């Protein structure tokens, strides 16, 4: 019995061992070739003229396509008839279709992102409840880097089916800041202090003109809003500098805060 098993095992090893070894070698060499092709494409002069957004998507599409070709070659080396593979795929078509539904939606979403271009690599966007700088757009996913350096991966289909706010697409942005002061302060005084602080803040543009006005209030205090325009790239510098400058100006001029609300026991 043991001799029969050893004989049968030897026959199988002779019959399929060579094919398996050749398939493994092909897989390893194919992986190296794919990396070389991707690298070579990246060095092509014409490809360098393509913008970063499309470049990442094309790289992703090309890489997946090459891997599909490699896997088909490996299957043929193993001696598996393609007709049998297609038959199996057709038999399991419904299950595979359901399994790939999300993947196909992501591919379609990626194509739509390339066509309509709601954002590009390097833009700062808000989408699907998260925000960050666009790192790349691949065949299936869009990757953002959050302000605290977290990597956020969003399926392309989800990006296309949600509201996207591109905070970098326009050259200028407006900084809006709200402040509250005591009820007995003079509105003209507060408005003047805010406008002076805005004028002293670096990177604030004078056209469009800055804005500072009373916007509301209650029995405890008044609400004011300051608005200042700046270049999109300077937004956060202006935001923090303006917050500090207006706060310091009010402190230096003894502007009182709204009265604390008394809670009855």
Protein backbone atom coordinates (compact mmCIF):
# COMPACT_ATOMS: atom_id res chain seq x y z
CA UNK A 1 0.00 0.00 0.00
CA UNK A 2 2.79 2.40 0.97
CA UNK A 3 4.70 1.48 -2.18
CA UNK A 4 1.59 2.19 -4.29
CA UNK A 5 1.13 5.57 -2.62
CA UNK A 6 4.77 6.48 -3.18
CA UNK A 7 4.54 5.46 -6.81
CA UNK A 8 1.37 7.50 -7.34
CA UNK A 9 2.86 10.52 -5.55
CA UNK A 10 5.98 10.28 -7.74
CA UNK A 11 3.84 10.21 -10.86
CA UNK A 12 1.89 13.29 -9.77
CA UNK A 13 5.11 15.08 -8.86
CA UNK A 14 6.61 14.33 -12.27
CA UNK A 15 3.38 15.25 -14.05
CA UNK A 16 2.56 18.52 -12.25
CA UNK A 17 5.76 19.47 -10.42
CA UNK A 18 7.36 20.98 -13.48
CA UNK A 19 4.25 23.00 -14.30
CA UNK A 20 3.92 24.26 -10.72
CA UNK A 21 7.59 25.25 -10.58
CA UNK A 22 7.32 26.99 -13.96
CA UNK A 23 4.14 28.81 -12.81
CA UNK A 24 5.87 30.03 -9.63
CA UNK A 25 8.89 31.24 -11.62
CA UNK A 26 6.56 32.97 -14.09
CA UNK A 27 4.72 34.66 -11.22
CA UNK A 28 7.94 35.95 -9.67
CA UNK A 29 9.43 37.12 -12.98
CA UNK A 30 6.07 38.58 -14.01
CA UNK A 31 5.90 40.64 -10.83
CA UNK A 32 9.37 42.05 -11.55
CA UNK A 33 8.42 42.81 -15.16
CA UNK A 34 5.22 44.57 -14.07
CA UNK A 35 7.19 46.80 -11.69
CA UNK A 36 9.69 47.57 -14.48
CA UNK A 37 6.88 48.45 -16.90
CA UNK A 38 5.18 50.73 -14.36
CA UNK A 39 8.52 52.42 -13.66
CA UNK A 40 9.28 52.80 -17.37
CA UNK A 41 5.87 54.33 -18.06
CA UNK A 42 6.45 56.79 -15.24
CA UNK A 43 9.66 57.96 -16.91
CA UNK A 44 8.08 58.54 -20.32
CA UNK A 45 8.27 62.23 -21.23
CA UNK A 46 4.64 62.41 -22.36
CA UNK A 47 3.46 60.74 -19.16
CA UNK A 48 5.30 63.34 -17.10
CA UNK A 49 3.14 66.01 -18.71
CA UNK A 50 -0.02 64.33 -17.42
CA UNK A 51 -1.31 65.94 -14.22
CA UNK A 52 -0.85 64.09 -10.94
CA UNK A 53 -4.53 63.18 -10.57
CA UNK A 54 -4.80 61.32 -13.88
CA UNK A 55 -1.31 59.85 -13.48
CA UNK A 56 -2.23 57.99 -10.29
CA UNK A 57 -5.43 56.63 -11.83
CA UNK A 58 -3.65 55.47 -15.02
CA UNK A 59 -0.92 53.76 -12.98
CA UNK A 60 -3.53 51.90 -10.93
CA UNK A 61 -5.48 50.83 -14.03
CA UNK A 62 -2.32 49.69 -15.84
CA UNK A 63 -1.03 47.72 -12.86
CA UNK A 64 -4.28 45.82 -12.38
CA UNK A 65 -4.52 45.10 -16.12
CA UNK A 66 -0.97 43.68 -16.19
CA UNK A 67 -1.69 41.48 -13.16
CA UNK A 68 -4.80 40.09 -14.88
CA UNK A 69 -2.70 39.19 -17.94
CA UNK A 70 -0.06 37.56 -15.71
CA UNK A 71 -2.63 35.45 -13.88
CA UNK A 72 -4.10 34.26 -17.19
CA UNK A 73 -0.61 33.19 -18.30
CA UNK A 74 -0.03 31.33 -15.01
CA UNK A 75 -3.36 29.52 -15.36
CA UNK A 76 -2.41 28.41 -18.88
CA UNK A 77 1.02 27.20 -17.68
CA UNK A 78 -0.70 25.06 -15.05
CA UNK A 79 -2.64 23.45 -17.86
CA UNK A 80 -6.07 24.62 -16.77
CA UNK A 81 -8.17 25.09 -19.93
CA UNK A 82 -9.49 28.63 -20.21
CA UNK A 83 -12.82 27.16 -21.36
CA UNK A 84 -13.11 25.45 -17.98
CA UNK A 85 -12.26 28.68 -16.14
CA UNK A 86 -14.85 30.59 -18.15
CA UNK A 87 -17.42 27.84 -17.49
CA UNK A 88 -16.80 28.02 -13.76
CA UNK A 89 -17.04 31.81 -13.82
CA UNK A 90 -20.26 31.64 -15.83
CA UNK A 91 -21.76 29.11 -13.40
CA UNK A 92 -20.87 31.32 -10.49
CA UNK A 93 -21.80 34.46 -12.41
CA UNK A 94 -24.52 35.64 -10.05
CA UNK A 95 -22.41 35.23 -6.93
CA UNK A 96 -19.40 36.83 -8.60
CA UNK A 97 -21.55 39.64 -9.95
CA UNK A 98 -22.87 40.40 -6.47
CA UNK A 99 -19.38 40.15 -5.00
CA UNK A 100 -17.94 42.49 -7.63
CA UNK A 101 -20.83 44.93 -7.58
CA UNK A 102 -19.07 47.23 -5.16
CA UNK A 103 -15.76 46.93 -7.03
CA UNK A 104 -17.39 47.74 -10.37
CA UNK A 105 -19.18 50.70 -8.79
CA UNK A 106 -15.84 51.97 -7.52
CA UNK A 107 -14.28 51.63 -10.98
CA UNK A 108 -17.20 53.51 -12.52
CA UNK A 109 -16.88 56.14 -9.79
CA UNK A 110 -13.17 56.52 -10.54
CA UNK A 111 -13.89 57.02 -14.24
CA UNK A 112 -16.48 59.69 -13.38
CA UNK A 113 -13.98 61.43 -11.10
CA UNK A 114 -11.51 61.54 -14.00
CA UNK A 115 -14.15 62.96 -16.35
CA UNK A 116 -15.81 65.59 -14.13
CA UNK A 117 -12.77 66.35 -11.92
CA UNK A 118 -14.47 67.75 -8.81
CA UNK A 119 -10.99 67.84 -7.28
CA UNK A 120 -7.35 67.09 -8.10
CA UNK A 121 -4.40 65.64 -6.21
CA UNK A 122 -3.25 68.24 -3.68
CA UNK A 123 -6.69 69.81 -3.15
CA UNK A 124 -8.15 70.05 0.34
CA UNK A 125 -11.67 68.59 0.29
CA UNK A 126 -14.56 67.56 2.52
CA UNK A 127 -16.42 64.40 1.47
CA UNK A 128 -18.33 61.56 3.14
CA UNK A 129 -18.04 63.19 6.56
CA UNK A 130 -14.23 63.47 6.46
CA UNK A 131 -11.76 66.02 5.15
CA UNK A 132 -8.15 66.19 4.09
CA UNK A 133 -5.70 66.75 1.27
CA UNK A 134 -6.15 64.43 -1.73
CA UNK A 135 -3.13 62.10 -1.90
CA UNK A 136 -4.19 60.03 -4.93
CA UNK A 137 -7.12 58.62 -6.89
CA UNK A 138 -6.74 54.95 -7.83
CA UNK A 139 -8.98 52.52 -9.69
CA UNK A 140 -11.05 51.76 -6.59
CA UNK A 141 -10.30 54.33 -3.89
CA UNK A 142 -9.58 57.99 -3.22
CA UNK A 143 -7.01 58.62 -0.49
CA UNK A 144 -7.00 61.72 1.72
CA UNK A 145 -4.43 62.83 4.29
CA UNK A 146 -6.08 64.53 7.26
CA UNK A 147 -4.57 67.65 8.91
CA UNK A 148 -3.24 65.43 11.73
CA UNK A 149 -1.59 63.13 9.14
CA UNK A 150 -4.09 60.26 9.13
CA UNK A 151 -4.65 58.37 5.89
CA UNK A 152 -8.33 58.22 4.95
CA UNK A 153 -9.43 55.83 2.18
CA UNK A 154 -12.84 56.41 0.58
CA UNK A 155 -14.41 54.15 -2.09
CA UNK A 156 -14.77 56.05 -5.37
CA UNK A 157 -18.48 55.17 -5.61
CA UNK A 158 -19.07 56.78 -2.23
CA UNK A 159 -17.25 59.95 -3.28
CA UNK A 160 -19.40 60.24 -6.40
CA UNK A 161 -22.62 59.74 -4.40
CA UNK A 162 -21.98 62.37 -1.76
CA UNK A 163 -21.55 66.13 -1.56
CA UNK A 164 -17.93 67.13 -2.12
CA UNK A 165 -16.66 70.50 -0.93
CA UNK A 166 -13.40 71.52 -2.57
CA UNK A 167 -11.75 74.11 -0.35
CA UNK A 168 -8.76 74.60 -2.67
CA UNK A 169 -10.39 75.02 -6.07
CA UNK A 170 -10.78 78.82 -5.83
CA UNK A 171 -7.91 81.27 -5.47
CA UNK A 172 -9.55 83.16 -2.59
CA UNK A 173 -11.32 82.08 0.61
CA UNK A 174 -13.19 84.02 3.26
CA UNK A 175 -12.44 83.66 6.97
CA UNK A 176 -15.58 84.05 9.14
CA UNK A 177 -15.19 84.57 12.89
CA UNK A 178 -17.90 85.12 15.51
CA UNK A 179 -17.44 87.04 18.78
CA UNK A 180 -19.75 87.82 21.68
CA UNK A 181 -19.54 90.89 23.97
CA UNK A 182 -21.53 92.31 26.87
CA UNK A 183 -24.90 93.95 26.22
CA UNK A 184 -23.76 97.37 27.42
CA UNK A 185 -20.85 97.67 24.94
CA UNK A 186 -21.13 100.14 22.05
CA UNK A 187 -21.58 98.40 18.66
CA UNK A 188 -19.60 101.09 16.82
CA UNK A 189 -16.66 100.64 19.20
CA UNK A 190 -16.59 96.86 18.73
CA UNK A 191 -16.91 97.18 14.97
CA UNK A 192 -14.03 99.68 14.87
CA UNK A 193 -11.79 97.45 17.02
CA UNK A 194 -12.46 94.44 14.82
CA UNK A 195 -11.74 96.33 11.59
CA UNK A 196 -8.49 97.71 13.01
CA UNK A 197 -7.41 94.23 14.07
CA UNK A 198 -8.25 92.88 10.61
CA UNK A 199 -6.21 95.65 8.95
CA UNK A 200 -3.17 94.73 11.10
CA UNK A 201 -3.39 91.01 10.24
CA UNK A 202 -0.87 89.78 7.69
CA UNK A 203 -2.07 88.20 4.43
CA UNK A 204 -5.58 89.68 4.70
CA UNK A 205 -6.74 91.15 1.38
CA UNK A 206 -8.35 94.58 1.17
CA UNK A 207 -10.31 93.64 -1.94
CA UNK A 208 -12.89 92.30 -1.30
CA UNK A 209 -13.17 94.64 1.65
CA UNK A 210 -13.13 93.26 5.23
CA UNK A 211 -16.43 93.14 7.13
CA UNK A 212 -17.28 93.56 10.82
CA UNK A 213 -20.88 94.04 11.98
CA UNK A 214 -23.38 93.28 14.71
CA UNK A 215 -25.22 90.10 13.71
CA UNK A 216 -27.51 89.41 16.67
CA UNK A 217 -27.73 89.02 20.41
CA UNK A 218 -29.89 88.31 23.46
CA UNK A 219 -30.50 89.73 26.91
CA UNK A 220 -26.97 88.78 28.00
CA UNK A 221 -24.83 90.02 25.12
CA UNK A 222 -24.33 90.95 21.47
CA UNK A 223 -22.92 88.83 18.64
CA UNK A 224 -20.51 90.22 16.04
CA UNK A 225 -19.01 88.62 12.96
CA UNK A 226 -15.71 89.44 11.26
CA UNK A 227 -15.13 88.45 7.63
CA UNK A 228 -11.82 88.74 5.84
CA UNK A 229 -10.63 87.45 2.46
CA UNK A 230 -7.28 85.83 1.78
CA UNK A 231 -5.56 83.48 -0.63
CA UNK A 232 -6.73 79.88 -0.20
CA UNK A 233 -3.19 78.80 0.68
CA UNK A 234 -3.11 81.38 3.52
CA UNK A 235 -6.45 80.44 5.05
CA UNK A 236 -5.29 78.84 8.29
CA UNK A 237 -2.58 81.45 8.92
CA UNK A 238 -5.17 84.21 8.59
CA UNK A 239 -7.75 82.29 10.64
CA UNK A 240 -5.51 81.88 13.68
CA UNK A 241 -3.80 85.29 13.41
CA UNK A 242 -7.14 87.06 13.05
CA UNK A 243 -8.62 85.19 16.03
CA UNK A 244 -5.68 86.20 18.18
CA UNK A 245 -5.53 89.81 16.99
CA UNK A 246 -9.22 90.52 17.55
CA UNK A 247 -9.20 88.80 20.96
CA UNK A 248 -6.15 90.84 22.05
CA UNK A 249 -7.67 94.09 20.75
CA UNK A 250 -10.80 93.54 22.80
CA UNK A 251 -8.75 92.69 25.88
CA UNK A 252 -6.57 95.78 25.53
CA UNK A 253 -9.70 97.96 25.30
CA UNK A 254 -11.46 96.35 28.28
CA UNK A 255 -14.30 94.91 26.23
CA UNK A 256 -16.47 92.89 28.57
CA UNK A 257 -17.69 89.39 27.83
CA UNK A 258 -21.42 88.53 27.94
CA UNK A 259 -22.82 88.17 31.43
CA UNK A 260 -22.88 84.63 32.74
CA UNK A 261 -26.28 83.01 32.70
CA UNK A 262 -27.55 82.46 36.26
CA UNK A 263 -28.95 78.97 36.86
CA UNK A 264 -31.72 78.89 39.44
CA UNK A 265 -31.37 76.15 42.05
